[in-house]
Amino acid sequence: MSTPSDVRRATVRTIAARKGGDPVVCLTAYTAPMAGLLDPHVDLLLVGDSLGMVVYGLPTTLGVTVDMMIAHGQAVMRGSQRACVIVDLPFGSYQESPQQAFRTAARVMAETGCAGVKLEGGREMAETVAFLVGRGIPVLGHVGLKPQSVNAAGGFRAHGRDPAEAEAIVEDARAVAAAGAFALVLEGTVEPLARTVTAAVPCPVIGIGASPACDGQVLVSDDLLGLFGAFTPRFVKRYAELGAQVSEAAAAYAAEVTARRFPGPEHCFKGPATAPSRDAGDD
């Protein structure tokens, strides 16, 4: 039987070497228990700023803070043993300058122990990616649909139907890859464009709402498990409906408590039927 010390985590070099090979399996994780359940089955665990929506109930990812990302990154690191763990840099924590990005990324990595960070952006962020990589911070890029830019993009929509937009996404991917990103997330693009982007860059492209031709796939775990019910993106496949099971379990519990069927004798600690009494004449 292996022990934690026997298990070696996947690294960013492990992920980078998968270009054109076996697909990279990636899921999001935000808590230690979920990380432990997913860890045996994935190559990469992404502590995504999607936690703002699926954990905290925010309407977008824009309200997520660095402290939130660090707390959840620490939990995922504690709960996992073998997956490469990457933590998102939240909105406003890196876009101002490469120096700001370095300070944020260095803090995230130092306080969580994660293998690297993810940031959104294309050509406008290439300088920042190169600055981080040159100072020892592995970067997972993110192009296509960028949730942190949802207001500027006009909402959550598929990207790349317009030829000019498609070409811009290809150039964004090339720029971030050339800057040294070890891999790219490509989100919410039309399928032919996703194939083009995957072929255009030397690093692995991990798709979400993109194409089976990508070098890997990522989904939000709460979407995959049926735990997030606010909406279901077109690109999500639900592999379970745990949300319904949670509701059914809570309803069954409430019914048994109301009817005084729970707790039963098997759920109670055994002991004297009554508290021991003391005779009036005892000293």
Protein backbone atom coordinates (compact mmCIF):
# COMPACT_ATOMS: atom_id res chain seq x y z
CA MET A 1 0.00 0.00 0.00
CA SER A 2 1.35 3.42 -0.93
CA THR A 3 1.73 6.16 1.64
CA PRO A 4 1.55 9.92 0.98
CA SER A 5 5.35 10.04 0.87
CA ASP A 6 5.36 7.41 -1.90
CA VAL A 7 3.03 9.42 -4.16
CA ARG A 8 4.61 11.93 -6.52
CA ARG A 9 2.51 14.82 -7.73
CA ALA A 10 2.17 15.57 -11.39
CA THR A 11 4.10 18.73 -12.26
CA VAL A 12 3.72 21.46 -14.84
CA ARG A 13 6.41 19.65 -16.85
CA THR A 14 4.26 16.52 -16.72
CA ILE A 15 1.32 18.46 -18.12
CA ALA A 16 3.39 20.28 -20.75
CA ALA A 17 4.77 16.97 -22.03
CA ARG A 18 1.25 15.76 -22.87
CA LYS A 19 0.96 17.90 -26.00
CA GLY A 20 -0.41 15.64 -28.73
CA GLY A 21 -0.40 12.62 -26.42
CA ASP A 22 -2.87 11.21 -23.93
CA PRO A 23 -5.48 13.87 -23.11
CA VAL A 24 -5.00 15.85 -19.91
CA VAL A 25 -7.86 15.18 -17.48
CA CYS A 26 -8.72 18.26 -15.43
CA LEU A 27 -11.51 19.20 -13.01
CA THR A 28 -12.06 22.07 -10.63
CA ALA A 29 -11.88 21.56 -6.87
CA TYR A 30 -12.53 23.97 -4.02
CA THR A 31 -12.53 21.84 -0.84
CA ALA A 32 -10.33 19.18 0.73
CA PRO A 33 -12.97 16.38 0.66
CA MET A 34 -13.80 16.96 -3.00
CA ALA A 35 -10.12 17.18 -3.90
CA GLY A 36 -9.56 13.83 -2.24
CA LEU A 37 -12.36 12.23 -4.24
CA LEU A 38 -11.21 13.65 -7.58
CA ASP A 39 -7.45 13.29 -7.07
CA PRO A 40 -7.08 9.61 -8.11
CA HIS A 41 -8.79 10.28 -11.44
CA VAL A 42 -7.32 13.54 -12.75
CA ASP A 43 -3.99 14.93 -13.87
CA LEU A 44 -4.72 18.51 -12.89
CA LEU A 45 -6.94 20.07 -10.22
CA LEU A 46 -7.84 23.68 -10.94
CA VAL A 47 -8.86 25.84 -8.01
CA GLY A 48 -10.93 28.06 -10.25
CA ASP A 49 -12.41 31.45 -9.47
CA SER A 50 -15.64 29.76 -10.56
CA LEU A 51 -15.90 29.09 -6.82
CA GLY A 52 -17.40 32.56 -6.60
CA MET A 53 -20.47 31.30 -8.42
CA VAL A 54 -20.72 27.64 -7.38
CA VAL A 55 -19.63 28.00 -3.74
CA TYR A 56 -20.47 31.58 -2.77
CA GLY A 57 -23.49 32.22 -4.99
CA LEU A 58 -22.06 35.28 -6.72
CA PRO A 59 -23.51 36.22 -10.13
CA THR A 60 -20.06 36.24 -11.78
CA THR A 61 -16.44 35.54 -10.82
CA LEU A 62 -15.65 39.25 -10.41
CA GLY A 63 -16.22 39.37 -6.66
CA VAL A 64 -13.65 36.70 -5.84
CA THR A 65 -10.70 37.83 -3.71
CA VAL A 66 -7.11 36.67 -3.36
CA ASP A 67 -7.81 35.59 0.22
CA MET A 68 -10.66 33.38 -1.00
CA MET A 69 -8.42 31.75 -3.61
CA ILE A 70 -5.69 31.11 -1.05
CA ALA A 71 -8.06 29.55 1.48
CA HIS A 72 -9.51 27.18 -1.10
CA GLY A 73 -6.10 26.49 -2.63
CA GLN A 74 -4.82 25.42 0.78
CA ALA A 75 -7.82 23.11 1.21
CA VAL A 76 -7.30 21.46 -2.17
CA MET A 77 -3.60 20.94 -1.51
CA ARG A 78 -4.42 19.28 1.83
CA GLY A 79 -7.00 17.02 0.21
CA SER A 80 -4.94 15.86 -2.78
CA GLN A 81 -1.74 13.86 -3.24
CA ARG A 82 -1.03 13.21 -6.90
CA ALA A 83 -2.67 15.86 -9.11
CA CYS A 84 -0.92 19.02 -10.24
CA VAL A 85 -2.76 21.88 -8.50
CA ILE A 86 -3.15 25.26 -10.19
CA VAL A 87 -4.85 28.27 -8.57
CA ASP A 88 -6.64 31.06 -10.44
CA LEU A 89 -5.58 34.66 -9.96
CA PRO A 90 -8.82 36.59 -9.39
CA PHE A 91 -10.02 39.68 -11.22
CA GLY A 92 -8.10 42.83 -10.41
CA SER A 93 -5.17 41.06 -8.77
CA TYR A 94 -2.83 40.92 -11.79
CA GLN A 95 -4.01 43.05 -14.71
CA GLU A 96 -2.50 46.33 -13.54
CA SER A 97 1.14 45.40 -14.17
CA PRO A 98 3.55 42.46 -14.31
CA GLN A 99 4.82 43.54 -10.91
CA GLN A 100 1.34 43.37 -9.37
CA ALA A 101 0.85 39.96 -10.96
CA PHE A 102 4.13 38.72 -9.51
CA ARG A 103 3.27 39.88 -6.00
CA THR A 104 -0.11 38.19 -6.15
CA ALA A 105 1.17 34.98 -7.73
CA ALA A 106 4.11 34.73 -5.33
CA ARG A 107 1.78 35.07 -2.36
CA VAL A 108 -0.65 32.49 -3.72
CA MET A 109 2.10 29.95 -4.38
CA ALA A 110 3.88 30.57 -1.06
CA GLU A 111 0.71 30.28 1.03
CA THR A 112 -0.87 27.31 -0.78
CA GLY A 113 2.05 25.27 -2.09
CA CYS A 114 0.37 25.00 -5.49
CA ALA A 115 2.35 24.27 -8.66
CA GLY A 116 1.39 27.43 -10.55
CA VAL A 117 -1.28 29.99 -11.30
CA LYS A 118 -3.82 30.62 -14.04
CA LEU A 119 -4.61 34.02 -15.49
CA GLU A 120 -6.92 35.18 -18.24
CA GLY A 121 -5.92 37.18 -21.27
CA GLY A 122 -4.20 37.04 -24.64
CA ARG A 123 -1.75 39.37 -26.29
CA GLU A 124 -2.34 42.08 -23.70
CA MET A 125 -1.14 39.69 -20.97
CA ALA A 126 1.82 38.17 -22.83
CA GLU A 127 4.31 40.50 -21.17
CA THR A 128 2.94 39.57 -17.76
CA VAL A 129 3.11 35.84 -18.52
CA ALA A 130 6.75 36.17 -19.60
CA PHE A 131 7.54 38.24 -16.49
CA LEU A 132 6.09 35.56 -14.20
CA VAL A 133 7.63 32.60 -16.02
CA GLY A 134 11.00 34.32 -16.03
CA ARG A 135 10.80 34.58 -12.24
CA GLY A 136 9.91 30.97 -11.58
CA ILE A 137 6.11 31.09 -11.58
CA PRO A 138 4.48 28.56 -13.93
CA VAL A 139 1.49 30.02 -15.75
CA LEU A 140 -1.59 28.33 -17.19
CA GLY A 141 -3.08 30.70 -19.77
CA HIS A 142 -6.76 31.21 -20.55
CA VAL A 143 -8.10 32.52 -23.86
CA GLY A 144 -11.37 32.49 -25.76
CA LEU A 145 -14.32 33.19 -23.49
CA LYS A 146 -12.81 34.89 -20.46
CA PRO A 147 -15.27 34.98 -17.53
CA GLN A 148 -13.44 37.87 -15.85
CA SER A 149 -14.14 39.95 -18.98
CA VAL A 150 -17.77 38.89 -19.29
CA ASN A 151 -19.05 42.48 -19.09
CA ALA A 152 -16.81 43.69 -21.90
CA ALA A 153 -17.64 40.61 -24.00
CA GLY A 154 -21.38 41.13 -23.75
CA GLY A 155 -22.15 38.16 -21.55
CA PHE A 156 -21.44 34.45 -21.68
CA ARG A 157 -21.48 33.48 -25.35
CA ALA A 158 -19.63 31.30 -27.83
CA HIS A 159 -16.60 33.02 -29.32
CA GLY A 160 -15.05 32.76 -32.76
CA ARG A 161 -18.03 32.80 -35.11
CA ASP A 162 -16.85 36.12 -36.50
CA PRO A 163 -13.67 35.69 -38.62
CA ALA A 164 -11.96 38.67 -37.03
CA GLU A 165 -12.71 37.42 -33.54
CA ALA A 166 -11.51 33.94 -34.48
CA GLU A 167 -8.21 35.27 -35.78
CA ALA A 168 -7.78 37.36 -32.62
CA ILE A 169 -8.21 34.26 -30.46
CA VAL A 170 -5.59 32.36 -32.48
CA GLU A 171 -3.16 35.25 -32.07
CA ASP A 172 -3.93 35.46 -28.36
CA ALA A 173 -3.14 31.78 -27.93
CA ARG A 174 0.10 32.09 -29.87
CA ALA A 175 1.21 35.09 -27.86
CA VAL A 176 0.56 33.48 -24.46
CA ALA A 177 2.22 30.23 -25.53
CA ALA A 178 5.24 32.12 -26.86
CA ALA A 179 5.46 33.99 -23.56
CA GLY A 180 6.04 30.68 -21.80
CA ALA A 181 2.68 29.38 -20.56
CA PHE A 182 3.01 25.65 -19.91
CA ALA A 183 -0.57 25.08 -21.14
CA LEU A 184 -3.69 27.00 -22.15
CA VAL A 185 -7.35 26.77 -21.22
CA LEU A 186 -9.51 27.48 -24.27
CA GLU A 187 -13.08 28.26 -23.29
CA GLY A 188 -16.33 28.73 -25.14
CA THR A 189 -15.14 28.74 -28.75
CA VAL A 190 -16.69 27.23 -31.86
CA GLU A 191 -15.36 23.76 -32.56
CA PRO A 192 -13.42 24.38 -35.79
CA LEU A 193 -11.59 27.30 -34.17
CA ALA A 194 -10.66 25.15 -31.18
CA ARG A 195 -9.03 22.64 -33.53
CA THR A 196 -7.11 25.45 -35.20
CA VAL A 197 -5.88 26.86 -31.90
CA THR A 198 -4.80 23.43 -30.66
CA ALA A 199 -2.75 22.90 -33.81
CA ALA A 200 -1.31 26.42 -33.73
CA VAL A 201 0.47 26.34 -30.37
CA PRO A 202 3.22 24.07 -28.99
CA CYS A 203 1.77 23.74 -25.49
CA PRO A 204 -1.25 21.64 -24.46
CA VAL A 205 -4.65 23.22 -25.02
CA ILE A 206 -7.23 22.21 -22.40
CA GLY A 207 -10.72 22.75 -23.71
CA ILE A 208 -13.95 23.69 -21.98
CA GLY A 209 -16.73 24.17 -24.49
CA ALA A 210 -14.17 23.82 -27.28
CA SER A 211 -13.35 20.57 -29.11
CA PRO A 212 -12.49 16.90 -28.58
CA ALA A 213 -9.37 17.69 -30.62
CA CYS A 214 -7.95 19.68 -27.69
CA ASP A 215 -5.07 18.18 -25.72
CA GLY A 216 -7.26 17.83 -22.64
CA GLN A 217 -10.59 18.76 -21.10
CA VAL A 218 -11.72 20.58 -17.98
CA LEU A 219 -15.16 20.98 -16.41
CA VAL A 220 -16.41 22.62 -13.26
CA SER A 221 -16.87 19.66 -10.93
CA ASP A 222 -20.15 21.00 -9.53
CA ASP A 223 -21.54 21.07 -13.09
CA LEU A 224 -20.35 17.52 -13.80
CA LEU A 225 -21.90 16.25 -10.55
CA GLY A 226 -25.20 18.10 -10.84
CA LEU A 227 -24.56 20.20 -7.73
CA PHE A 228 -24.87 23.60 -9.41
CA GLY A 229 -28.38 24.21 -10.65
CA ALA A 230 -28.51 27.91 -11.45
CA PHE A 231 -27.86 27.19 -15.14
CA THR A 232 -26.20 24.50 -17.24
CA PRO A 233 -23.87 25.62 -20.05
CA ARG A 234 -24.31 23.83 -23.37
CA PHE A 235 -20.85 22.28 -23.10
CA VAL A 236 -21.53 20.56 -19.76
CA LYS A 237 -22.32 16.86 -19.53
CA ARG A 238 -23.81 15.88 -16.18
CA TYR A 239 -22.34 12.57 -15.07
CA ALA A 240 -24.45 12.54 -11.89
CA GLU A 241 -27.40 14.38 -10.35
CA LEU A 242 -26.15 14.73 -6.80
CA GLY A 243 -28.10 17.93 -6.24
CA ALA A 244 -31.37 16.01 -6.45
CA GLN A 245 -30.00 13.32 -4.15
CA VAL A 246 -28.95 15.91 -1.58
CA SER A 247 -32.45 17.42 -1.64
CA GLU A 248 -34.07 14.00 -1.30
CA ALA A 249 -31.81 13.09 1.61
CA ALA A 250 -32.57 16.36 3.41
CA ALA A 251 -36.31 15.83 2.88
CA ALA A 252 -36.10 12.28 4.29
CA TYR A 253 -34.14 13.54 7.30
CA ALA A 254 -36.64 16.33 7.95
CA ALA A 255 -39.56 13.87 7.77
CA GLU A 256 -37.95 11.47 10.25
CA VAL A 257 -37.05 14.24 12.70
CA THR A 258 -40.58 15.64 12.53
CA ALA A 259 -42.06 12.16 13.12
CA ARG A 260 -39.52 11.46 15.92
CA ARG A 261 -38.18 8.43 14.02
CA PHE A 262 -34.65 9.89 14.10
CA PRO A 263 -32.59 9.48 16.14
CA GLY A 264 -33.38 5.84 16.86
CA PRO A 265 -31.94 3.73 19.67
CA GLU A 266 -28.99 2.75 17.47
CA HIS A 267 -27.98 6.41 17.16
CA CYS A 268 -27.99 7.11 20.92
CA PHE A 269 -25.27 6.52 23.51
CA LYS A 270 -26.06 3.82 26.06
CA GLY A 271 -25.94 4.65 29.76
CA PRO A 272 -27.88 4.47 33.01
CA ALA A 273 -31.60 4.86 32.54
CA THR A 274 -31.62 7.57 35.18
CA ALA A 275 -28.97 9.58 36.92
CA PRO A 276 -27.61 7.75 40.02
CA SER A 277 -29.36 8.88 43.20
CA ARG A 278 -27.85 9.42 46.64
CA ASP A 279 -29.59 8.14 49.77
CA ALA A 280 -30.34 10.80 52.26
CA GLY A 281 -28.44 8.89 54.94
CA ASP A 282 -25.19 8.50 52.98
CA ASP A 283 -22.14 10.43 54.14
